[in-house]
Amino acid sequence: MSSNSGFTMQRMVVGAIALAALLTVPHFLSFHHQDLLIFLTINVLAVCSYRLVTLTGEWSLIHAVMMGVGAYTVALLVNHFDLAIWFTLPLAGTAAGLVAALLCFPLLRMTQFYFLIGSFAAGEAIRLTWVEFVGVFGGTSGLRGVEAPIVFGIDFLDPIPYFYFSLSIVLLCLFILYRIENSRVGLTLHAIHWKSALAESVGVDAWRYRALAFILGSFFVGIAGGLKIHYLGSVTPNQFTVGFMVFILIWVIVGGYNKFYGPIIGVVVLTIFDESIRSFEVLRPAIYGAMLILSILFLPLGLESVPGKIKSWFGIGSPPPEPPLSDQ
């Protein structure tokens, strides 16, 4: 047996054990922690879809608002047309993707810091739309009355069935995102990030690929927003503020974004950590700020690099490489 096939088999075993644990754990948790597990699962999709956007080297502050676009789409579709969840989730992603496509023309004329600020301004403009158009979006009170779906006679108001449902949807989306990243499109996105000028010199349209990453990332986070509203039953503008966007950034940076599983590690570890410091509510922003600074100083590649560092300490393999410098 070759080393590659042995490594693949090892990953399959680890994945099977992790999946078995995920399917079993909810039955041993309290109602509060079952809720937490559902939101954690949804946030995994949020950070992985955000990572797709960052593959081109662009970091936005609108991703949380795109999640809100998906949530508001679901609320409007359920309240006005009583559509089933099988229709509302794809349409939530489609709505977020269409909004992203419209924003590509002004936003992607900017890069780096200017794109960051421009995306923040666009996100706040969308949030103000939800606040000002009370007749459509409910203003600051938002939209309510989204009842828990019933699928095949199963009431998803119960957190355990809804966790299994959301886990299935998220795993399917993660598989698609993983395949995209490891396709020719994903390799091109990496090339645009690290060697944009070289990629353009051989005929790559960097603008189109950046737009594609932005639209696809928004599509999948729109689905995450749809999953969230179907469980909560209500949506308000305050659920998708820049504060939530900062959490997404911290999850991705602390977890690491050079590998597909980095943001997943970040959101899982920090969600568990956040639950452990809930009694220190006043100090939470300072604690998170300190964690972000320490991560950048001592773990610039994120928590995903820890196994490689441990191996290097014991003389096994080589230390994780530093990311290449961008020529932009």
C-alpha atoms as a PDB file:
ATOM      1  CA  MET A   1       0.000   0.000   0.000  1.00  0.00           C
ATOM      2  CA  SER A   2       1.435   3.400  -1.008  1.00  0.00           C
ATOM      3  CA  SER A   3       1.839   6.251   1.443  1.00  0.00           C
ATOM      4  CA  ASN A   4      -0.807   8.314  -0.389  1.00  0.00           C
ATOM      5  CA  SER A   5      -3.415   5.570  -0.214  1.00  0.00           C
ATOM      6  CA  GLY A   6      -2.562   5.000   3.448  1.00  0.00           C
ATOM      7  CA  PHE A   7      -2.995   8.700   4.167  1.00  0.00           C
ATOM      8  CA  THR A   8      -6.320   8.722   2.304  1.00  0.00           C
ATOM      9  CA  MET A   9      -7.525   5.726   4.296  1.00  0.00           C
ATOM     10  CA  GLN A  10      -6.477   7.466   7.517  1.00  0.00           C
ATOM     11  CA  ARG A  11      -8.478  10.568   6.582  1.00  0.00           C
ATOM     12  CA  MET A  12     -11.522   8.446   5.757  1.00  0.00           C
ATOM     13  CA  VAL A  13     -11.329   6.734   9.153  1.00  0.00           C
ATOM     14  CA  VAL A  14     -10.994  10.058  10.958  1.00  0.00           C
ATOM     15  CA  GLY A  15     -13.906  11.461   8.958  1.00  0.00           C
ATOM     16  CA  ALA A  16     -16.091   8.457   9.753  1.00  0.00           C
ATOM     17  CA  ILE A  17     -15.319   8.753  13.476  1.00  0.00           C
ATOM     18  CA  ALA A  18     -16.072  12.511  13.413  1.00  0.00           C
ATOM     19  CA  LEU A  19     -19.365  11.931  11.595  1.00  0.00           C
ATOM     20  CA  ALA A  20     -20.385   9.204  14.046  1.00  0.00           C
ATOM     21  CA  ALA A  21     -19.610  11.552  16.941  1.00  0.00           C
ATOM     22  CA  LEU A  22     -21.663  14.346  15.350  1.00  0.00           C
ATOM     23  CA  LEU A  23     -24.654  12.043  14.928  1.00  0.00           C
ATOM     24  CA  THR A  24     -24.434  10.818  18.526  1.00  0.00           C
ATOM     25  CA  VAL A  25     -23.488  13.910  20.540  1.00  0.00           C
ATOM     26  CA  PRO A  26     -26.837  15.819  20.279  1.00  0.00           C
ATOM     27  CA  HIS A  27     -28.634  13.133  22.301  1.00  0.00           C
ATOM     28  CA  PHE A  28     -26.379  13.804  25.298  1.00  0.00           C
ATOM     29  CA  LEU A  29     -26.639  17.614  25.266  1.00  0.00           C
ATOM     30  CA  SER A  30     -29.007  20.003  26.995  1.00  0.00           C
ATOM     31  CA  PHE A  31     -31.526  21.985  24.938  1.00  0.00           C
ATOM     32  CA  HIS A  32     -29.275  25.074  25.080  1.00  0.00           C
ATOM     33  CA  HIS A  33     -26.268  23.165  23.776  1.00  0.00           C
ATOM     34  CA  GLN A  34     -28.365  21.530  21.059  1.00  0.00           C
ATOM     35  CA  ASP A  35     -29.249  25.036  19.872  1.00  0.00           C
ATOM     36  CA  LEU A  36     -25.577  25.955  20.024  1.00  0.00           C
ATOM     37  CA  LEU A  37     -24.660  22.924  17.920  1.00  0.00           C
ATOM     38  CA  ILE A  38     -27.149  23.933  15.228  1.00  0.00           C
ATOM     39  CA  PHE A  39     -25.791  27.483  15.035  1.00  0.00           C
ATOM     40  CA  LEU A  40     -22.232  26.120  15.021  1.00  0.00           C
ATOM     41  CA  THR A  41     -23.082  23.903  12.049  1.00  0.00           C
ATOM     42  CA  ILE A  42     -24.593  26.847  10.169  1.00  0.00           C
ATOM     43  CA  ASN A  43     -21.589  29.054  10.994  1.00  0.00           C
ATOM     44  CA  VAL A  44     -19.261  26.402   9.555  1.00  0.00           C
ATOM     45  CA  LEU A  45     -20.924  26.978   6.186  1.00  0.00           C
ATOM     46  CA  ALA A  46     -20.641  30.742   6.685  1.00  0.00           C
ATOM     47  CA  VAL A  47     -16.858  30.668   7.280  1.00  0.00           C
ATOM     48  CA  CYS A  48     -16.131  28.134   4.521  1.00  0.00           C
ATOM     49  CA  SER A  49     -18.105  30.185   1.988  1.00  0.00           C
ATOM     50  CA  TYR A  50     -16.216  33.283   3.157  1.00  0.00           C
ATOM     51  CA  ARG A  51     -12.929  31.482   2.610  1.00  0.00           C
ATOM     52  CA  LEU A  52     -13.906  30.968  -1.041  1.00  0.00           C
ATOM     53  CA  VAL A  53     -14.090  34.769  -1.401  1.00  0.00           C
ATOM     54  CA  THR A  54     -10.682  35.210   0.230  1.00  0.00           C
ATOM     55  CA  LEU A  55      -9.009  32.776  -2.209  1.00  0.00           C
ATOM     56  CA  THR A  56      -8.537  35.696  -4.600  1.00  0.00           C
ATOM     57  CA  GLY A  57      -6.902  37.770  -1.864  1.00  0.00           C
ATOM     58  CA  GLU A  58      -9.935  40.011  -1.301  1.00  0.00           C
ATOM     59  CA  TRP A  59     -11.425  40.334   2.197  1.00  0.00           C
ATOM     60  CA  SER A  60     -14.917  41.787   2.433  1.00  0.00           C
ATOM     61  CA  LEU A  61     -17.119  43.048   5.251  1.00  0.00           C
ATOM     62  CA  ILE A  62     -20.420  42.224   3.557  1.00  0.00           C
ATOM     63  CA  HIS A  63     -20.533  38.465   4.025  1.00  0.00           C
ATOM     64  CA  ALA A  64     -22.717  38.621   7.149  1.00  0.00           C
ATOM     65  CA  VAL A  65     -25.175  40.886   5.313  1.00  0.00           C
ATOM     66  CA  MET A  66     -25.327  38.368   2.455  1.00  0.00           C
ATOM     67  CA  MET A  67     -26.315  35.794   5.048  1.00  0.00           C
ATOM     68  CA  GLY A  68     -29.063  38.213   6.023  1.00  0.00           C
ATOM     69  CA  VAL A  69     -30.186  38.491   2.391  1.00  0.00           C
ATOM     70  CA  GLY A  70     -30.746  34.732   2.402  1.00  0.00           C
ATOM     71  CA  ALA A  71     -32.602  34.912   5.723  1.00  0.00           C
ATOM     72  CA  TYR A  72     -34.906  37.738   4.595  1.00  0.00           C
ATOM     73  CA  THR A  73     -35.577  35.916   1.314  1.00  0.00           C
ATOM     74  CA  VAL A  74     -36.749  32.846   3.214  1.00  0.00           C
ATOM     75  CA  ALA A  75     -38.950  34.931   5.516  1.00  0.00           C
ATOM     76  CA  LEU A  76     -40.618  36.693   2.579  1.00  0.00           C
ATOM     77  CA  LEU A  77     -41.127  33.473   0.610  1.00  0.00           C
ATOM     78  CA  VAL A  78     -42.625  31.622   3.569  1.00  0.00           C
ATOM     79  CA  ASN A  79     -44.847  34.488   4.743  1.00  0.00           C
ATOM     80  CA  HIS A  80     -46.205  35.407   1.308  1.00  0.00           C
ATOM     81  CA  PHE A  81     -46.064  32.168  -0.702  1.00  0.00           C
ATOM     82  CA  ASP A  82     -45.799  29.448   1.983  1.00  0.00           C
ATOM     83  CA  LEU A  83     -43.047  27.675   0.056  1.00  0.00           C
ATOM     84  CA  ALA A  84     -41.461  24.500   1.394  1.00  0.00           C
ATOM     85  CA  ILE A  85     -37.901  24.453   2.679  1.00  0.00           C
ATOM     86  CA  TRP A  86     -36.727  22.558  -0.435  1.00  0.00           C
ATOM     87  CA  PHE A  87     -37.540  25.673  -2.470  1.00  0.00           C
ATOM     88  CA  THR A  88     -36.696  28.422   0.019  1.00  0.00           C
ATOM     89  CA  LEU A  89     -33.085  27.351   0.649  1.00  0.00           C
ATOM     90  CA  PRO A  90     -31.971  27.335  -3.022  1.00  0.00           C
ATOM     91  CA  LEU A  91     -33.862  30.595  -3.602  1.00  0.00           C
ATOM     92  CA  ALA A  92     -32.171  32.151  -0.546  1.00  0.00           C
ATOM     93  CA  GLY A  93     -28.779  31.331  -2.035  1.00  0.00           C
ATOM     94  CA  THR A  94     -29.896  32.569  -5.454  1.00  0.00           C
ATOM     95  CA  ALA A  95     -31.084  35.900  -4.017  1.00  0.00           C
ATOM     96  CA  ALA A  96     -27.776  36.444  -2.199  1.00  0.00           C
ATOM     97  CA  GLY A  97     -25.880  35.500  -5.356  1.00  0.00           C
ATOM     98  CA  LEU A  98     -27.908  37.949  -7.466  1.00  0.00           C
ATOM     99  CA  VAL A  99     -27.269  40.784  -4.994  1.00  0.00           C
ATOM    100  CA  ALA A 100     -23.562  39.925  -5.102  1.00  0.00           C
ATOM    101  CA  ALA A 101     -23.638  39.943  -8.918  1.00  0.00           C
ATOM    102  CA  LEU A 102     -25.120  43.453  -8.912  1.00  0.00           C
ATOM    103  CA  LEU A 103     -22.517  44.646  -6.422  1.00  0.00           C
ATOM    104  CA  CYS A 104     -19.649  43.210  -8.463  1.00  0.00           C
ATOM    105  CA  PHE A 105     -19.692  46.128 -10.901  1.00  0.00           C
ATOM    106  CA  PRO A 106     -18.960  48.880  -8.354  1.00  0.00           C
ATOM    107  CA  LEU A 107     -17.109  46.838  -5.711  1.00  0.00           C
ATOM    108  CA  LEU A 108     -14.706  44.820  -7.845  1.00  0.00           C
ATOM    109  CA  ARG A 109     -13.374  47.960  -9.461  1.00  0.00           C
ATOM    110  CA  MET A 110     -11.647  48.324  -6.107  1.00  0.00           C
ATOM    111  CA  THR A 111      -9.055  46.015  -4.548  1.00  0.00           C
ATOM    112  CA  GLN A 112      -7.463  45.329  -1.170  1.00  0.00           C
ATOM    113  CA  PHE A 113      -8.287  47.997   1.464  1.00  0.00           C
ATOM    114  CA  TYR A 114     -10.650  49.915  -0.833  1.00  0.00           C
ATOM    115  CA  PHE A 115     -12.652  46.761  -1.536  1.00  0.00           C
ATOM    116  CA  LEU A 116     -12.843  46.114   2.220  1.00  0.00           C
ATOM    117  CA  ILE A 117     -14.258  49.567   2.931  1.00  0.00           C
ATOM    118  CA  GLY A 118     -16.509  49.525  -0.128  1.00  0.00           C
ATOM    119  CA  SER A 119     -18.002  46.179   0.889  1.00  0.00           C
ATOM    120  CA  PHE A 120     -18.681  47.532   4.382  1.00  0.00           C
ATOM    121  CA  ALA A 121     -20.497  50.554   2.930  1.00  0.00           C
ATOM    122  CA  ALA A 122     -22.565  48.361   0.594  1.00  0.00           C
ATOM    123  CA  GLY A 123     -23.483  46.039   3.453  1.00  0.00           C
ATOM    124  CA  GLU A 124     -24.628  48.911   5.641  1.00  0.00           C
ATOM    125  CA  ALA A 125     -26.704  50.279   2.758  1.00  0.00           C
ATOM    126  CA  ILE A 126     -28.502  46.928   2.486  1.00  0.00           C
ATOM    127  CA  ARG A 127     -29.081  46.822   6.243  1.00  0.00           C
ATOM    128  CA  LEU A 128     -30.526  50.360   6.149  1.00  0.00           C
ATOM    129  CA  THR A 129     -32.899  49.174   3.419  1.00  0.00           C
ATOM    130  CA  TRP A 130     -34.218  46.514   5.796  1.00  0.00           C
ATOM    131  CA  VAL A 131     -34.682  49.163   8.491  1.00  0.00           C
ATOM    132  CA  GLU A 132     -36.258  51.907   6.370  1.00  0.00           C
ATOM    133  CA  PHE A 133     -38.695  49.842   4.255  1.00  0.00           C
ATOM    134  CA  VAL A 134     -40.878  48.803   7.170  1.00  0.00           C
ATOM    135  CA  GLY A 135     -43.774  47.627   5.020  1.00  0.00           C
ATOM    136  CA  VAL A 136     -41.638  45.021   3.277  1.00  0.00           C
ATOM    137  CA  PHE A 137     -38.889  44.090   5.740  1.00  0.00           C
ATOM    138  CA  GLY A 138     -40.482  45.008   9.071  1.00  0.00           C
ATOM    139  CA  GLY A 139     -37.969  47.695  10.069  1.00  0.00           C
ATOM    140  CA  THR A 140     -35.971  47.149  13.234  1.00  0.00           C
ATOM    141  CA  SER A 141     -38.494  44.528  14.391  1.00  0.00           C
ATOM    142  CA  GLY A 142     -37.784  42.405  11.338  1.00  0.00           C
ATOM    143  CA  LEU A 143     -39.997  39.633  10.037  1.00  0.00           C
ATOM    144  CA  ARG A 144     -41.598  36.910  12.122  1.00  0.00           C
ATOM    145  CA  GLY A 145     -43.939  33.990  11.682  1.00  0.00           C
ATOM    146  CA  VAL A 146     -41.597  31.623   9.859  1.00  0.00           C
ATOM    147  CA  GLU A 147     -42.836  28.348  11.272  1.00  0.00           C
ATOM    148  CA  ALA A 148     -40.555  25.348  11.650  1.00  0.00           C
ATOM    149  CA  PRO A 149     -40.893  23.151   8.552  1.00  0.00           C
ATOM    150  CA  ILE A 150     -42.394  19.678   8.623  1.00  0.00           C
ATOM    151  CA  VAL A 151     -40.634  17.303   6.222  1.00  0.00           C
ATOM    152  CA  PHE A 152     -41.752  13.681   5.758  1.00  0.00           C
ATOM    153  CA  GLY A 153     -43.845  14.036   8.912  1.00  0.00           C
ATOM    154  CA  ILE A 154     -40.839  15.170  11.008  1.00  0.00           C
ATOM    155  CA  ASP A 155     -41.335  18.381  12.987  1.00  0.00           C
ATOM    156  CA  PHE A 156     -38.135  20.411  12.771  1.00  0.00           C
ATOM    157  CA  LEU A 157     -39.122  22.497  15.764  1.00  0.00           C
ATOM    158  CA  ASP A 158     -37.299  19.779  17.701  1.00  0.00           C
ATOM    159  CA  PRO A 159     -33.575  20.704  17.654  1.00  0.00           C
ATOM    160  CA  ILE A 160     -32.231  17.179  17.097  1.00  0.00           C
ATOM    161  CA  PRO A 161     -34.056  16.509  13.778  1.00  0.00           C
ATOM    162  CA  TYR A 162     -33.236  20.029  12.610  1.00  0.00           C
ATOM    163  CA  PHE A 163     -29.576  19.507  13.493  1.00  0.00           C
ATOM    164  CA  TYR A 164     -29.483  16.375  11.344  1.00  0.00           C
ATOM    165  CA  PHE A 165     -31.178  18.245   8.511  1.00  0.00           C
ATOM    166  CA  SER A 166     -28.873  21.276   8.703  1.00  0.00           C
ATOM    167  CA  LEU A 167     -25.827  19.002   9.015  1.00  0.00           C
ATOM    168  CA  SER A 168     -26.839  17.198   5.816  1.00  0.00           C
ATOM    169  CA  ILE A 169     -27.270  20.470   3.917  1.00  0.00           C
ATOM    170  CA  VAL A 170     -23.999  21.905   5.242  1.00  0.00           C
ATOM    171  CA  LEU A 171     -22.020  18.752   4.426  1.00  0.00           C
ATOM    172  CA  LEU A 172     -23.394  18.796   0.873  1.00  0.00           C
ATOM    173  CA  CYS A 173     -22.423  22.473   0.497  1.00  0.00           C
ATOM    174  CA  LEU A 174     -18.956  21.830   1.952  1.00  0.00           C
ATOM    175  CA  PHE A 175     -18.422  19.004  -0.533  1.00  0.00           C
ATOM    176  CA  ILE A 176     -19.326  21.342  -3.416  1.00  0.00           C
ATOM    177  CA  LEU A 177     -17.064  24.100  -2.052  1.00  0.00           C
ATOM    178  CA  TYR A 178     -14.204  21.622  -1.665  1.00  0.00           C
ATOM    179  CA  ARG A 179     -14.650  20.402  -5.233  1.00  0.00           C
ATOM    180  CA  ILE A 180     -14.718  23.979  -6.519  1.00  0.00           C
ATOM    181  CA  GLU A 181     -11.483  24.824  -4.709  1.00  0.00           C
ATOM    182  CA  ASN A 182      -9.733  21.736  -6.081  1.00  0.00           C
ATOM    183  CA  SER A 183     -10.985  22.308  -9.611  1.00  0.00           C
ATOM    184  CA  ARG A 184      -9.397  24.401 -12.335  1.00  0.00           C
ATOM    185  CA  VAL A 185     -11.485  27.337 -11.118  1.00  0.00           C
ATOM    186  CA  GLY A 186     -10.087  27.046  -7.603  1.00  0.00           C
ATOM    187  CA  LEU A 187      -6.508  26.819  -8.839  1.00  0.00           C
ATOM    188  CA  THR A 188      -7.085  29.942 -10.926  1.00  0.00           C
ATOM    189  CA  LEU A 189      -8.421  31.778  -7.866  1.00  0.00           C
ATOM    190  CA  HIS A 190      -5.229  30.861  -5.986  1.00  0.00           C
ATOM    191  CA  ALA A 191      -3.142  32.068  -8.934  1.00  0.00           C
ATOM    192  CA  ILE A 192      -4.951  35.408  -8.983  1.00  0.00           C
ATOM    193  CA  HIS A 193      -4.240  35.825  -5.277  1.00  0.00           C
ATOM    194  CA  TRP A 194      -0.525  35.134  -5.313  1.00  0.00           C
ATOM    195  CA  LYS A 195       0.471  36.047  -8.882  1.00  0.00           C
ATOM    196  CA  SER A 196      -2.265  38.241 -10.281  1.00  0.00           C
ATOM    197  CA  ALA A 197      -0.116  39.966 -12.907  1.00  0.00           C
ATOM    198  CA  LEU A 198       1.287  36.656 -14.147  1.00  0.00           C
ATOM    199  CA  ALA A 199      -2.197  35.106 -14.336  1.00  0.00           C
ATOM    200  CA  GLU A 200      -3.509  38.052 -16.356  1.00  0.00           C
ATOM    201  CA  SER A 201      -0.487  37.869 -18.670  1.00  0.00           C
ATOM    202  CA  VAL A 202      -1.550  34.378 -19.801  1.00  0.00           C
ATOM    203  CA  GLY A 203      -5.133  35.405 -20.484  1.00  0.00           C
ATOM    204  CA  VAL A 204      -6.893  34.979 -17.126  1.00  0.00           C
ATOM    205  CA  ASP A 205      -9.660  37.544 -16.603  1.00  0.00           C
ATOM    206  CA  ALA A 206      -9.018  38.349 -12.939  1.00  0.00           C
ATOM    207  CA  TRP A 207     -12.165  40.492 -12.633  1.00  0.00           C
ATOM    208  CA  ARG A 208     -14.438  37.668 -13.786  1.00  0.00           C
ATOM    209  CA  TYR A 209     -12.869  35.154 -11.429  1.00  0.00           C
ATOM    210  CA  ARG A 210     -13.076  37.545  -8.486  1.00  0.00           C
ATOM    211  CA  ALA A 211     -16.723  38.121  -9.350  1.00  0.00           C
ATOM    212  CA  LEU A 212     -17.320  34.373  -9.568  1.00  0.00           C
ATOM    213  CA  ALA A 213     -15.777  33.802  -6.122  1.00  0.00           C
ATOM    214  CA  PHE A 214     -17.813  36.655  -4.643  1.00  0.00           C
ATOM    215  CA  ILE A 215     -21.074  35.367  -6.149  1.00  0.00           C
ATOM    216  CA  LEU A 216     -20.496  31.728  -5.191  1.00  0.00           C
ATOM    217  CA  GLY A 217     -19.474  32.658  -1.639  1.00  0.00           C
ATOM    218  CA  SER A 218     -22.617  34.771  -1.308  1.00  0.00           C
ATOM    219  CA  PHE A 219     -24.776  31.959  -2.706  1.00  0.00           C
ATOM    220  CA  PHE A 220     -23.637  29.487  -0.059  1.00  0.00           C
ATOM    221  CA  VAL A 221     -23.818  31.948   2.826  1.00  0.00           C
ATOM    222  CA  GLY A 222     -27.341  32.798   1.657  1.00  0.00           C
ATOM    223  CA  ILE A 223     -28.227  29.135   2.198  1.00  0.00           C
ATOM    224  CA  ALA A 224     -26.695  29.392   5.680  1.00  0.00           C
ATOM    225  CA  GLY A 225     -28.949  32.381   6.370  1.00  0.00           C
ATOM    226  CA  GLY A 226     -31.947  30.376   5.171  1.00  0.00           C
ATOM    227  CA  LEU A 227     -31.106  27.530   7.544  1.00  0.00           C
ATOM    228  CA  LYS A 228     -30.829  30.000  10.404  1.00  0.00           C
ATOM    229  CA  ILE A 229     -34.187  31.689   9.835  1.00  0.00           C
ATOM    230  CA  HIS A 230     -36.008  28.378   9.396  1.00  0.00           C
ATOM    231  CA  TYR A 231     -34.866  27.428  12.893  1.00  0.00           C
ATOM    232  CA  LEU A 232     -35.210  30.790  14.658  1.00  0.00           C
ATOM    233  CA  GLY A 233     -38.530  31.697  13.033  1.00  0.00           C
ATOM    234  CA  SER A 234     -37.704  35.412  12.862  1.00  0.00           C
ATOM    235  CA  VAL A 235     -35.104  37.697  11.335  1.00  0.00           C
ATOM    236  CA  THR A 236     -33.997  41.238  12.259  1.00  0.00           C
ATOM    237  CA  PRO A 237     -31.309  43.585  10.867  1.00  0.00           C
ATOM    238  CA  ASN A 238     -29.402  43.378  14.160  1.00  0.00           C
ATOM    239  CA  GLN A 239     -28.603  39.707  13.559  1.00  0.00           C
ATOM    240  CA  PHE A 240     -26.271  40.598  10.682  1.00  0.00           C
ATOM    241  CA  THR A 241     -24.338  43.622  11.883  1.00  0.00           C
ATOM    242  CA  VAL A 242     -20.641  44.322  11.451  1.00  0.00           C
ATOM    243  CA  GLY A 243     -20.212  42.771  14.921  1.00  0.00           C
ATOM    244  CA  PHE A 244     -21.188  39.362  13.548  1.00  0.00           C
ATOM    245  CA  MET A 245     -18.930  40.002  10.553  1.00  0.00           C
ATOM    246  CA  VAL A 246     -16.019  40.568  12.923  1.00  0.00           C
ATOM    247  CA  PHE A 247     -16.699  37.167  14.482  1.00  0.00           C
ATOM    248  CA  ILE A 248     -16.538  35.566  11.016  1.00  0.00           C
ATOM    249  CA  LEU A 249     -13.202  37.292  10.386  1.00  0.00           C
ATOM    250  CA  ILE A 250     -11.794  36.122  13.723  1.00  0.00           C
ATOM    251  CA  TRP A 251     -12.969  32.534  13.152  1.00  0.00           C
ATOM    252  CA  VAL A 252     -11.262  32.446   9.754  1.00  0.00           C
ATOM    253  CA  ILE A 253      -8.025  34.178  10.807  1.00  0.00           C
ATOM    254  CA  VAL A 254      -7.551  32.231  14.045  1.00  0.00           C
ATOM    255  CA  GLY A 255      -8.426  28.922  12.375  1.00  0.00           C
ATOM    256  CA  GLY A 256      -6.301  29.624   9.321  1.00  0.00           C
ATOM    257  CA  TYR A 257      -7.326  30.090   5.704  1.00  0.00           C
ATOM    258  CA  ASN A 258      -4.555  28.358   3.746  1.00  0.00           C
ATOM    259  CA  LYS A 259      -6.316  25.004   4.006  1.00  0.00           C
ATOM    260  CA  PHE A 260      -9.970  24.152   3.517  1.00  0.00           C
ATOM    261  CA  TYR A 261     -10.435  22.898   7.084  1.00  0.00           C
ATOM    262  CA  GLY A 262      -8.750  25.889   8.749  1.00  0.00           C
ATOM    263  CA  PRO A 263     -11.891  28.047   9.178  1.00  0.00           C
ATOM    264  CA  ILE A 264     -13.799  24.978  10.415  1.00  0.00           C
ATOM    265  CA  ILE A 265     -11.221  24.502  13.184  1.00  0.00           C
ATOM    266  CA  GLY A 266     -11.461  28.196  14.018  1.00  0.00           C
ATOM    267  CA  VAL A 267     -15.251  28.345  14.351  1.00  0.00           C
ATOM    268  CA  VAL A 268     -15.435  25.093  16.343  1.00  0.00           C
ATOM    269  CA  VAL A 269     -12.634  25.945  18.786  1.00  0.00           C
ATOM    270  CA  LEU A 270     -13.726  29.556  19.312  1.00  0.00           C
ATOM    271  CA  THR A 271     -17.404  28.637  19.703  1.00  0.00           C
ATOM    272  CA  ILE A 272     -16.488  26.201  22.467  1.00  0.00           C
ATOM    273  CA  PHE A 273     -14.165  28.810  23.980  1.00  0.00           C
ATOM    274  CA  ASP A 274     -16.872  31.480  23.745  1.00  0.00           C
ATOM    275  CA  GLU A 275     -19.303  29.244  25.598  1.00  0.00           C
ATOM    276  CA  SER A 276     -16.740  28.709  28.367  1.00  0.00           C
ATOM    277  CA  ILE A 277     -16.307  32.488  28.952  1.00  0.00           C
ATOM    278  CA  ARG A 278     -19.987  33.407  28.714  1.00  0.00           C
ATOM    279  CA  SER A 279     -19.960  34.463  32.386  1.00  0.00           C
ATOM    280  CA  PHE A 280     -17.396  37.158  31.490  1.00  0.00           C
ATOM    281  CA  GLU A 281     -19.719  38.999  29.128  1.00  0.00           C
ATOM    282  CA  VAL A 282     -18.128  42.431  29.684  1.00  0.00           C
ATOM    283  CA  LEU A 283     -14.621  41.146  28.976  1.00  0.00           C
ATOM    284  CA  ARG A 284     -15.494  39.081  25.888  1.00  0.00           C
ATOM    285  CA  PRO A 285     -14.513  41.774  23.309  1.00  0.00           C
ATOM    286  CA  ALA A 286     -11.149  42.301  25.019  1.00  0.00           C
ATOM    287  CA  ILE A 287     -10.535  38.549  25.219  1.00  0.00           C
ATOM    288  CA  TYR A 288     -11.337  38.076  21.540  1.00  0.00           C
ATOM    289  CA  GLY A 289      -9.130  41.021  20.605  1.00  0.00           C
ATOM    290  CA  ALA A 290      -6.245  39.550  22.590  1.00  0.00           C
ATOM    291  CA  MET A 291      -6.760  36.147  20.954  1.00  0.00           C
ATOM    292  CA  LEU A 292      -6.676  37.708  17.496  1.00  0.00           C
ATOM    293  CA  ILE A 293      -3.445  39.604  18.235  1.00  0.00           C
ATOM    294  CA  LEU A 294      -1.768  36.543  19.759  1.00  0.00           C
ATOM    295  CA  SER A 295      -2.839  34.413  16.823  1.00  0.00           C
ATOM    296  CA  ILE A 296      -1.376  36.854  14.298  1.00  0.00           C
ATOM    297  CA  LEU A 297       1.884  37.122  16.276  1.00  0.00           C
ATOM    298  CA  PHE A 298       2.494  33.470  17.165  1.00  0.00           C
ATOM    299  CA  LEU A 299       0.281  31.503  14.759  1.00  0.00           C
ATOM    300  CA  PRO A 300       0.218  33.510  11.512  1.00  0.00           C
ATOM    301  CA  LEU A 301      -1.003  30.416   9.651  1.00  0.00           C
ATOM    302  CA  GLY A 302      -3.737  29.794  12.243  1.00  0.00           C
ATOM    303  CA  LEU A 303      -4.647  26.751  14.285  1.00  0.00           C
ATOM    304  CA  GLU A 304      -4.436  24.621  11.138  1.00  0.00           C
ATOM    305  CA  SER A 305      -0.624  24.887  11.370  1.00  0.00           C
ATOM    306  CA  VAL A 306      -0.408  23.466  14.918  1.00  0.00           C
ATOM    307  CA  PRO A 307      -0.125  19.771  13.888  1.00  0.00           C
ATOM    308  CA  GLY A 308       2.741  20.630  11.528  1.00  0.00           C
ATOM    309  CA  LYS A 309       4.525  22.594  14.246  1.00  0.00           C
ATOM    310  CA  ILE A 310       4.164  19.725  16.713  1.00  0.00           C
ATOM    311  CA  LYS A 311       5.601  17.309  14.151  1.00  0.00           C
ATOM    312  CA  SER A 312       8.548  19.633  13.523  1.00  0.00           C
ATOM    313  CA  TRP A 313       9.245  19.867  17.270  1.00  0.00           C
ATOM    314  CA  PHE A 314       9.568  16.086  17.404  1.00  0.00           C
ATOM    315  CA  GLY A 315      11.551  15.921  14.167  1.00  0.00           C
ATOM    316  CA  ILE A 316       8.725  14.401  12.132  1.00  0.00           C
ATOM    317  CA  GLY A 317       8.417  15.912   8.677  1.00  0.00           C
ATOM    318  CA  SER A 318       9.102  19.574   8.012  1.00  0.00           C
ATOM    319  CA  PRO A 319       7.576  22.730   9.501  1.00  0.00           C
ATOM    320  CA  PRO A 320       4.620  24.273   7.653  1.00  0.00           C
ATOM    321  CA  PRO A 321       5.759  26.645   4.898  1.00  0.00           C
ATOM    322  CA  GLU A 322       5.115  30.347   5.089  1.00  0.00           C
ATOM    323  CA  PRO A 323       2.656  31.656   2.498  1.00  0.00           C
ATOM    324  CA  PRO A 324       4.262  33.153  -0.631  1.00  0.00           C
ATOM    325  CA  LEU A 325       4.404  36.910  -0.975  1.00  0.00           C
ATOM    326  CA  SER A 326       1.889  38.558  -3.250  1.00  0.00           C
ATOM    327  CA  ASP A 327       3.176  40.667  -6.108  1.00  0.00           C
ATOM    328  CA  GLN A 328       0.216  43.028  -5.888  1.00  0.00           C
END
